[in-house]
Protein backbone atom coordinates (compact mmCIF):
# COMPACT_ATOMS: atom_id res chain seq x y z
CA MET A 1 0.01 -0.03 0.32
CA PRO A 2 1.49 3.51 -1.44
CA PHE A 3 -0.13 5.42 1.65
CA HIS A 4 0.38 2.38 4.76
CA GLY A 5 -1.13 5.25 7.06
CA GLY A 6 1.62 5.36 9.72
CA PHE A 7 3.17 8.49 10.81
CA GLY A 8 5.66 10.90 8.89
CA LEU A 9 5.35 12.99 5.66
CA MET A 10 6.85 10.29 3.14
CA ASN A 11 5.98 6.95 2.62
CA LEU A 12 7.87 3.95 2.34
CA HIS A 13 9.11 4.76 -0.79
CA GLY A 14 9.50 8.03 -1.01
CA VAL A 15 6.78 10.14 -1.97
CA ALA A 16 5.65 12.99 -0.21
CA LYS A 17 2.23 12.22 1.79
CA PRO A 18 -0.82 14.72 1.38
CA ALA A 19 0.37 16.63 4.39
CA TYR A 20 3.92 17.17 2.82
CA ARG A 21 2.62 19.19 0.12
CA ALA A 22 0.84 21.55 2.71
CA PHE A 23 3.67 21.64 4.79
CA GLU A 24 5.51 23.01 1.29
CA MET A 25 2.62 24.88 0.23
CA LEU A 26 2.59 26.74 3.79
CA HIS A 27 7.01 27.81 3.35
CA GLY A 28 5.73 29.67 -0.24
CA LEU A 29 4.28 32.27 1.31
CA GLY A 30 7.44 33.84 3.15
CA THR A 31 7.95 35.13 6.48
CA GLU A 32 6.26 38.97 6.16
CA ILE A 33 3.62 38.93 8.83
CA LEU A 34 0.69 41.46 8.20
CA SER A 35 -1.46 42.26 10.67
CA THR A 36 -4.98 42.53 10.80
CA GLN A 37 -7.98 44.14 12.94
CA GLY A 38 -10.94 42.55 15.64
CA ASN A 39 -10.76 40.30 18.59
CA HIS A 40 -12.98 37.62 19.04
CA PRO A 41 -11.94 34.56 21.77
CA THR A 42 -12.58 31.32 19.40
CA VAL A 43 -11.73 33.21 16.09
CA ASP A 44 -7.67 33.40 14.99
CA SER A 45 -7.33 35.30 11.59
CA GLY A 46 -4.46 34.67 9.50
CA VAL A 47 -3.45 37.36 6.84
CA CYS A 48 -1.01 36.30 3.42
CA ALA A 49 0.20 39.22 0.45
CA THR A 50 1.90 36.23 -1.78
CA GLU A 51 0.04 34.34 -5.01
CA ILE A 52 -0.23 30.84 -4.33
CA ARG A 53 0.12 29.45 -7.73
């Protein structure tokens, strides 16, 4: 089975799992932090200024 359900970001054969691709995409957003306004005890927000392709 290529995606055996074990821990890790790669399978036993070196194929990237979906979580690996998600981290890869987030890495592409860069390091710039933009401010947001508002305050609510149960809501968090995030803003990115980079175009995702």
